[in-house]
Amino acid sequence: MFGESGNIEVREAHYERFLGALDQPIFHSTDLQPVHVDVYQFTPTKRRPFWTLITGGMSDRPQDFGFNKPYDIGPRAELVMYTKSPSPWMFNVLKGLAEYPHRSGQFIHWGHTLPNGKPMTAKPSALTSYLIRCPEFEAEDFRRFEIEDEAVDLLWVVPITEEERQFAIKVGSVQLGWTLDENNVSHIIDEQRKSVV
């Protein structure tokens, strides 16, 4: 068992291997939660011309799958988001979503949608929900690593509209993902994006 400090070292080494030097301030949790979630920010590079925001701490505990754990997903997870410029709402969203499984006893993973109930952005927008996707454009060995001998999957948080969430409920989140891709919705967040359905 690594314990929390050992987990931090494992995560940070993994993140720096793929995302570059950890040379930006870390958004630290200050409230008492079942897991302590930090949010790291990695600056753009020539190869990755966007900011990468990624949580650290969600994977300190496995999610509770009950008897419904799909065979192909890891018991632990961290969240990732991509942006032109970091904004406080993004850190708050990632922190809240990373804490959610450990507060609620409900797991989140690829294909899940979650309502926010209101625009998550600082300025009014149509983005009021989330789609959790596999970051398939990332290197496969970046998308999964291990903490305490258990797999950790990276979950890509995609802000979506309520219409898109309802579409996913009706026809499936895989179809929503395809529809977003067919409409050239970038993995980099566009806060003023309109619904594609």
C-alpha atoms as a PDB file:
ATOM      1  CA  MET A   1       0.000   0.000   0.000  1.00  0.00           C
ATOM      2  CA  PHE A   2       1.351   3.403  -0.978  1.00  0.00           C
ATOM      3  CA  GLY A   3      -0.863   5.517   1.237  1.00  0.00           C
ATOM      4  CA  GLU A   4      -1.890   8.996   0.218  1.00  0.00           C
ATOM      5  CA  SER A   5       1.582  10.545  -0.100  1.00  0.00           C
ATOM      6  CA  GLY A   6       2.816   7.616  -2.194  1.00  0.00           C
ATOM      7  CA  ASN A   7      -0.252   7.931  -4.409  1.00  0.00           C
ATOM      8  CA  ILE A   8       0.554  11.597  -5.022  1.00  0.00           C
ATOM      9  CA  GLU A   9       4.080  10.701  -6.127  1.00  0.00           C
ATOM     10  CA  VAL A  10       2.797   8.022  -8.511  1.00  0.00           C
ATOM     11  CA  ARG A  11       0.192  10.325 -10.034  1.00  0.00           C
ATOM     12  CA  GLU A  12       2.492  13.295 -10.434  1.00  0.00           C
ATOM     13  CA  ALA A  13       5.204  11.167 -12.055  1.00  0.00           C
ATOM     14  CA  HIS A  14       2.634   9.770 -14.487  1.00  0.00           C
ATOM     15  CA  TYR A  15       1.228  13.209 -15.327  1.00  0.00           C
ATOM     16  CA  GLU A  16       4.648  14.789 -15.833  1.00  0.00           C
ATOM     17  CA  ARG A  17       5.765  11.937 -18.077  1.00  0.00           C
ATOM     18  CA  PHE A  18       3.010  12.759 -20.554  1.00  0.00           C
ATOM     19  CA  LEU A  19       2.101  16.399 -19.896  1.00  0.00           C
ATOM     20  CA  GLY A  20       5.417  18.055 -19.082  1.00  0.00           C
ATOM     21  CA  ALA A  21       6.790  19.822 -16.046  1.00  0.00           C
ATOM     22  CA  LEU A  22       4.523  20.494 -13.105  1.00  0.00           C
ATOM     23  CA  ASP A  23       5.412  24.191 -12.955  1.00  0.00           C
ATOM     24  CA  GLN A  24       1.993  25.801 -12.434  1.00  0.00           C
ATOM     25  CA  PRO A  25       0.092  26.436  -9.189  1.00  0.00           C
ATOM     26  CA  ILE A  26      -2.019  23.532  -7.934  1.00  0.00           C
ATOM     27  CA  PHE A  27      -5.649  24.108  -6.965  1.00  0.00           C
ATOM     28  CA  HIS A  28      -5.816  22.567  -3.483  1.00  0.00           C
ATOM     29  CA  SER A  29      -8.983  21.477  -1.681  1.00  0.00           C
ATOM     30  CA  THR A  30      -9.503  23.296   1.603  1.00  0.00           C
ATOM     31  CA  ASP A  31     -12.726  21.661   2.801  1.00  0.00           C
ATOM     32  CA  LEU A  32     -13.178  18.302   4.487  1.00  0.00           C
ATOM     33  CA  GLN A  33     -14.321  15.619   2.029  1.00  0.00           C
ATOM     34  CA  PRO A  34     -13.990  11.810   1.853  1.00  0.00           C
ATOM     35  CA  VAL A  35     -11.081  12.325  -0.572  1.00  0.00           C
ATOM     36  CA  HIS A  36      -8.735  15.293  -0.875  1.00  0.00           C
ATOM     37  CA  VAL A  37      -8.877  16.418  -4.507  1.00  0.00           C
ATOM     38  CA  ASP A  38      -6.296  18.713  -6.065  1.00  0.00           C
ATOM     39  CA  VAL A  39      -6.447  20.008  -9.633  1.00  0.00           C
ATOM     40  CA  TYR A  40      -3.229  20.279 -11.641  1.00  0.00           C
ATOM     41  CA  GLN A  41      -2.787  22.563 -14.624  1.00  0.00           C
ATOM     42  CA  PHE A  42      -0.325  21.873 -17.403  1.00  0.00           C
ATOM     43  CA  THR A  43       0.656  24.607 -19.831  1.00  0.00           C
ATOM     44  CA  PRO A  44       0.325  24.328 -23.623  1.00  0.00           C
ATOM     45  CA  THR A  45       3.202  22.915 -25.660  1.00  0.00           C
ATOM     46  CA  LYS A  46       3.843  22.647 -29.407  1.00  0.00           C
ATOM     47  CA  ARG A  47       2.503  19.101 -29.318  1.00  0.00           C
ATOM     48  CA  ARG A  48      -0.401  20.018 -27.007  1.00  0.00           C
ATOM     49  CA  PRO A  49      -1.454  23.610 -27.838  1.00  0.00           C
ATOM     50  CA  PHE A  50      -4.021  23.821 -25.025  1.00  0.00           C
ATOM     51  CA  TRP A  51      -4.143  23.683 -21.237  1.00  0.00           C
ATOM     52  CA  THR A  52      -4.721  20.303 -19.601  1.00  0.00           C
ATOM     53  CA  LEU A  53      -6.468  20.280 -16.226  1.00  0.00           C
ATOM     54  CA  ILE A  54      -6.368  16.999 -14.326  1.00  0.00           C
ATOM     55  CA  THR A  55      -7.440  15.906 -10.861  1.00  0.00           C
ATOM     56  CA  GLY A  56      -5.332  14.206  -8.245  1.00  0.00           C
ATOM     57  CA  GLY A  57      -6.943  12.451  -5.290  1.00  0.00           C
ATOM     58  CA  MET A  58     -10.117  10.899  -6.676  1.00  0.00           C
ATOM     59  CA  SER A  59      -8.116   7.693  -7.152  1.00  0.00           C
ATOM     60  CA  ASP A  60      -7.062   7.488  -3.498  1.00  0.00           C
ATOM     61  CA  ARG A  61     -10.161   5.335  -3.023  1.00  0.00           C
ATOM     62  CA  PRO A  62     -11.845   2.902  -5.413  1.00  0.00           C
ATOM     63  CA  GLN A  63     -15.324   3.856  -6.541  1.00  0.00           C
ATOM     64  CA  ASP A  64     -18.219   1.816  -5.173  1.00  0.00           C
ATOM     65  CA  PHE A  65     -19.613  -0.227  -8.057  1.00  0.00           C
ATOM     66  CA  GLY A  66     -21.778  -2.515  -5.939  1.00  0.00           C
ATOM     67  CA  PHE A  67     -22.499  -5.601  -8.028  1.00  0.00           C
ATOM     68  CA  ASN A  68     -22.598  -3.657 -11.303  1.00  0.00           C
ATOM     69  CA  LYS A  69     -18.915  -3.100 -12.107  1.00  0.00           C
ATOM     70  CA  PRO A  70     -18.309  -3.519 -15.846  1.00  0.00           C
ATOM     71  CA  TYR A  71     -15.433  -5.894 -16.486  1.00  0.00           C
ATOM     72  CA  ASP A  72     -13.386  -3.515 -18.632  1.00  0.00           C
ATOM     73  CA  ILE A  73     -13.052  -0.462 -16.390  1.00  0.00           C
ATOM     74  CA  GLY A  74     -10.668   0.277 -13.556  1.00  0.00           C
ATOM     75  CA  PRO A  75     -11.905   0.585  -9.983  1.00  0.00           C
ATOM     76  CA  ARG A  76     -10.258   4.006  -9.613  1.00  0.00           C
ATOM     77  CA  ALA A  77     -10.404   7.157 -11.714  1.00  0.00           C
ATOM     78  CA  GLU A  78      -9.186  10.714 -12.222  1.00  0.00           C
ATOM     79  CA  LEU A  79     -10.750  13.455 -14.352  1.00  0.00           C
ATOM     80  CA  VAL A  80      -9.280  15.489 -17.198  1.00  0.00           C
ATOM     81  CA  MET A  81     -10.447  18.599 -19.049  1.00  0.00           C
ATOM     82  CA  TYR A  82      -8.935  20.657 -21.897  1.00  0.00           C
ATOM     83  CA  THR A  83      -9.173  24.421 -22.311  1.00  0.00           C
ATOM     84  CA  LYS A  84      -7.736  27.442 -24.123  1.00  0.00           C
ATOM     85  CA  SER A  85      -7.431  29.197 -20.786  1.00  0.00           C
ATOM     86  CA  PRO A  86      -8.104  27.907 -17.243  1.00  0.00           C
ATOM     87  CA  SER A  87     -11.052  29.471 -15.449  1.00  0.00           C
ATOM     88  CA  PRO A  88     -12.094  29.087 -11.786  1.00  0.00           C
ATOM     89  CA  TRP A  89     -15.340  27.330 -12.737  1.00  0.00           C
ATOM     90  CA  MET A  90     -13.335  24.520 -14.367  1.00  0.00           C
ATOM     91  CA  PHE A  91     -11.420  23.809 -11.165  1.00  0.00           C
ATOM     92  CA  ASN A  92     -14.668  23.817  -9.179  1.00  0.00           C
ATOM     93  CA  VAL A  93     -16.364  21.448 -11.641  1.00  0.00           C
ATOM     94  CA  LEU A  94     -13.468  18.989 -11.589  1.00  0.00           C
ATOM     95  CA  LYS A  95     -13.221  19.071  -7.801  1.00  0.00           C
ATOM     96  CA  GLY A  96     -16.967  18.548  -7.343  1.00  0.00           C
ATOM     97  CA  LEU A  97     -17.201  15.721  -9.870  1.00  0.00           C
ATOM     98  CA  ALA A  98     -14.120  13.980  -8.426  1.00  0.00           C
ATOM     99  CA  GLU A  99     -15.661  14.068  -4.955  1.00  0.00           C
ATOM    100  CA  TYR A 100     -19.142  13.027  -6.114  1.00  0.00           C
ATOM    101  CA  PRO A 101     -18.653   9.220  -6.184  1.00  0.00           C
ATOM    102  CA  HIS A 102     -17.157   9.204  -2.699  1.00  0.00           C
ATOM    103  CA  ARG A 103     -19.917  11.426  -1.278  1.00  0.00           C
ATOM    104  CA  SER A 104     -22.833   9.708  -3.021  1.00  0.00           C
ATOM    105  CA  GLY A 105     -21.794   6.066  -3.349  1.00  0.00           C
ATOM    106  CA  GLN A 106     -22.572   6.322  -7.088  1.00  0.00           C
ATOM    107  CA  PHE A 107     -19.771   5.667  -9.544  1.00  0.00           C
ATOM    108  CA  ILE A 108     -19.078   7.680 -12.690  1.00  0.00           C
ATOM    109  CA  HIS A 109     -17.328   6.380 -15.763  1.00  0.00           C
ATOM    110  CA  TRP A 110     -17.197   6.494 -19.546  1.00  0.00           C
ATOM    111  CA  GLY A 111     -20.634   7.058 -21.061  1.00  0.00           C
ATOM    112  CA  HIS A 112     -22.237   8.594 -18.008  1.00  0.00           C
ATOM    113  CA  THR A 113     -24.054  11.915 -18.178  1.00  0.00           C
ATOM    114  CA  LEU A 114     -24.702  14.132 -15.171  1.00  0.00           C
ATOM    115  CA  PRO A 115     -26.847  17.256 -14.843  1.00  0.00           C
ATOM    116  CA  ASN A 116     -25.432  20.391 -13.269  1.00  0.00           C
ATOM    117  CA  GLY A 117     -28.841  22.060 -13.057  1.00  0.00           C
ATOM    118  CA  LYS A 118     -27.561  25.429 -14.237  1.00  0.00           C
ATOM    119  CA  PRO A 119     -24.812  26.801 -16.469  1.00  0.00           C
ATOM    120  CA  MET A 120     -21.428  25.816 -15.072  1.00  0.00           C
ATOM    121  CA  THR A 121     -19.586  28.616 -16.865  1.00  0.00           C
ATOM    122  CA  ALA A 122     -18.833  32.016 -15.355  1.00  0.00           C
ATOM    123  CA  LYS A 123     -20.742  33.752 -18.154  1.00  0.00           C
ATOM    124  CA  PRO A 124     -24.240  32.467 -19.039  1.00  0.00           C
ATOM    125  CA  SER A 125     -24.089  29.560 -21.495  1.00  0.00           C
ATOM    126  CA  ALA A 126     -26.051  26.538 -22.680  1.00  0.00           C
ATOM    127  CA  LEU A 127     -23.597  24.155 -20.974  1.00  0.00           C
ATOM    128  CA  THR A 128     -25.523  22.741 -18.022  1.00  0.00           C
ATOM    129  CA  SER A 129     -24.517  19.053 -17.941  1.00  0.00           C
ATOM    130  CA  TYR A 130     -21.564  16.725 -18.366  1.00  0.00           C
ATOM    131  CA  LEU A 131     -20.698  13.763 -20.551  1.00  0.00           C
ATOM    132  CA  ILE A 132     -17.914  11.489 -19.338  1.00  0.00           C
ATOM    133  CA  ARG A 133     -15.851  10.096 -22.218  1.00  0.00           C
ATOM    134  CA  CYS A 134     -12.700   8.075 -22.709  1.00  0.00           C
ATOM    135  CA  PRO A 135      -9.954  10.439 -23.967  1.00  0.00           C
ATOM    136  CA  GLU A 136      -9.270   8.218 -26.967  1.00  0.00           C
ATOM    137  CA  PHE A 137      -7.019  10.805 -28.631  1.00  0.00           C
ATOM    138  CA  GLU A 138      -4.548  10.438 -25.741  1.00  0.00           C
ATOM    139  CA  ALA A 139      -1.819   7.775 -25.683  1.00  0.00           C
ATOM    140  CA  GLU A 140      -3.210   4.498 -24.406  1.00  0.00           C
ATOM    141  CA  ASP A 141      -0.599   4.208 -21.657  1.00  0.00           C
ATOM    142  CA  PHE A 142      -1.522   7.700 -20.439  1.00  0.00           C
ATOM    143  CA  ARG A 143      -5.241   6.846 -20.201  1.00  0.00           C
ATOM    144  CA  ARG A 144      -4.639   4.135 -17.582  1.00  0.00           C
ATOM    145  CA  PHE A 145      -2.102   3.739 -14.785  1.00  0.00           C
ATOM    146  CA  GLU A 146      -2.026   2.014 -11.387  1.00  0.00           C
ATOM    147  CA  ILE A 147      -2.455   3.118  -7.779  1.00  0.00           C
ATOM    148  CA  GLU A 148      -2.023   0.531  -5.030  1.00  0.00           C
ATOM    149  CA  ASP A 149      -2.045  -2.269  -7.647  1.00  0.00           C
ATOM    150  CA  GLU A 150      -5.424  -1.178  -9.028  1.00  0.00           C
ATOM    151  CA  ALA A 151      -6.149   0.384 -12.409  1.00  0.00           C
ATOM    152  CA  VAL A 152      -6.882   4.110 -12.596  1.00  0.00           C
ATOM    153  CA  ASP A 153      -8.797   5.268 -15.687  1.00  0.00           C
ATOM    154  CA  LEU A 154      -8.696   8.849 -16.904  1.00  0.00           C
ATOM    155  CA  LEU A 155     -12.200  10.173 -17.512  1.00  0.00           C
ATOM    156  CA  TRP A 156     -12.619  13.100 -19.906  1.00  0.00           C
ATOM    157  CA  VAL A 157     -15.200  15.634 -18.681  1.00  0.00           C
ATOM    158  CA  VAL A 158     -17.126  17.173 -21.606  1.00  0.00           C
ATOM    159  CA  PRO A 159     -19.549  20.029 -20.832  1.00  0.00           C
ATOM    160  CA  ILE A 160     -22.819  19.476 -22.736  1.00  0.00           C
ATOM    161  CA  THR A 161     -26.237  21.078 -23.058  1.00  0.00           C
ATOM    162  CA  GLU A 162     -29.430  19.755 -21.487  1.00  0.00           C
ATOM    163  CA  GLU A 163     -30.701  18.897 -24.992  1.00  0.00           C
ATOM    164  CA  GLU A 164     -27.606  16.793 -25.554  1.00  0.00           C
ATOM    165  CA  ARG A 165     -28.033  15.049 -22.203  1.00  0.00           C
ATOM    166  CA  GLN A 166     -31.643  14.201 -23.061  1.00  0.00           C
ATOM    167  CA  PHE A 167     -30.461  12.936 -26.461  1.00  0.00           C
ATOM    168  CA  ALA A 168     -27.966  10.649 -24.686  1.00  0.00           C
ATOM    169  CA  ILE A 169     -30.712   9.345 -22.382  1.00  0.00           C
ATOM    170  CA  LYS A 170     -32.885   8.584 -25.418  1.00  0.00           C
ATOM    171  CA  VAL A 171     -30.368   7.070 -27.857  1.00  0.00           C
ATOM    172  CA  GLY A 172     -27.268   6.460 -25.761  1.00  0.00           C
ATOM    173  CA  SER A 173     -24.144   8.353 -24.818  1.00  0.00           C
ATOM    174  CA  VAL A 174     -22.081   6.584 -27.499  1.00  0.00           C
ATOM    175  CA  GLN A 175     -24.365   8.091 -30.133  1.00  0.00           C
ATOM    176  CA  LEU A 176     -24.021  11.498 -28.473  1.00  0.00           C
ATOM    177  CA  GLY A 177     -20.241  11.156 -28.608  1.00  0.00           C
ATOM    178  CA  TRP A 178     -20.399  10.318 -32.314  1.00  0.00           C
ATOM    179  CA  THR A 179     -22.731  13.261 -32.911  1.00  0.00           C
ATOM    180  CA  LEU A 180     -20.353  15.637 -31.136  1.00  0.00           C
ATOM    181  CA  ASP A 181     -17.474  14.289 -33.230  1.00  0.00           C
ATOM    182  CA  GLU A 182     -19.455  14.507 -36.487  1.00  0.00           C
ATOM    183  CA  ASN A 183     -20.177  18.156 -35.699  1.00  0.00           C
ATOM    184  CA  ASN A 184     -16.469  18.799 -35.104  1.00  0.00           C
ATOM    185  CA  VAL A 185     -16.940  19.717 -31.458  1.00  0.00           C
ATOM    186  CA  SER A 186     -13.384  20.188 -30.234  1.00  0.00           C
ATOM    187  CA  HIS A 187     -12.016  18.503 -27.135  1.00  0.00           C
ATOM    188  CA  ILE A 188     -11.020  22.032 -26.088  1.00  0.00           C
ATOM    189  CA  ILE A 189     -13.933  23.637 -24.237  1.00  0.00           C
ATOM    190  CA  ASP A 190     -15.906  26.303 -26.096  1.00  0.00           C
ATOM    191  CA  GLU A 191     -17.968  28.032 -23.410  1.00  0.00           C
ATOM    192  CA  GLN A 192     -20.363  29.523 -25.978  1.00  0.00           C
ATOM    193  CA  ARG A 193     -20.959  26.302 -27.915  1.00  0.00           C
ATOM    194  CA  LYS A 194     -24.531  25.667 -28.980  1.00  0.00           C
ATOM    195  CA  SER A 195     -26.314  22.318 -28.838  1.00  0.00           C
ATOM    196  CA  VAL A 196     -25.646  19.955 -31.755  1.00  0.00           C
ATOM    197  CA  VAL A 197     -29.001  18.130 -31.389  1.00  0.00           C
END
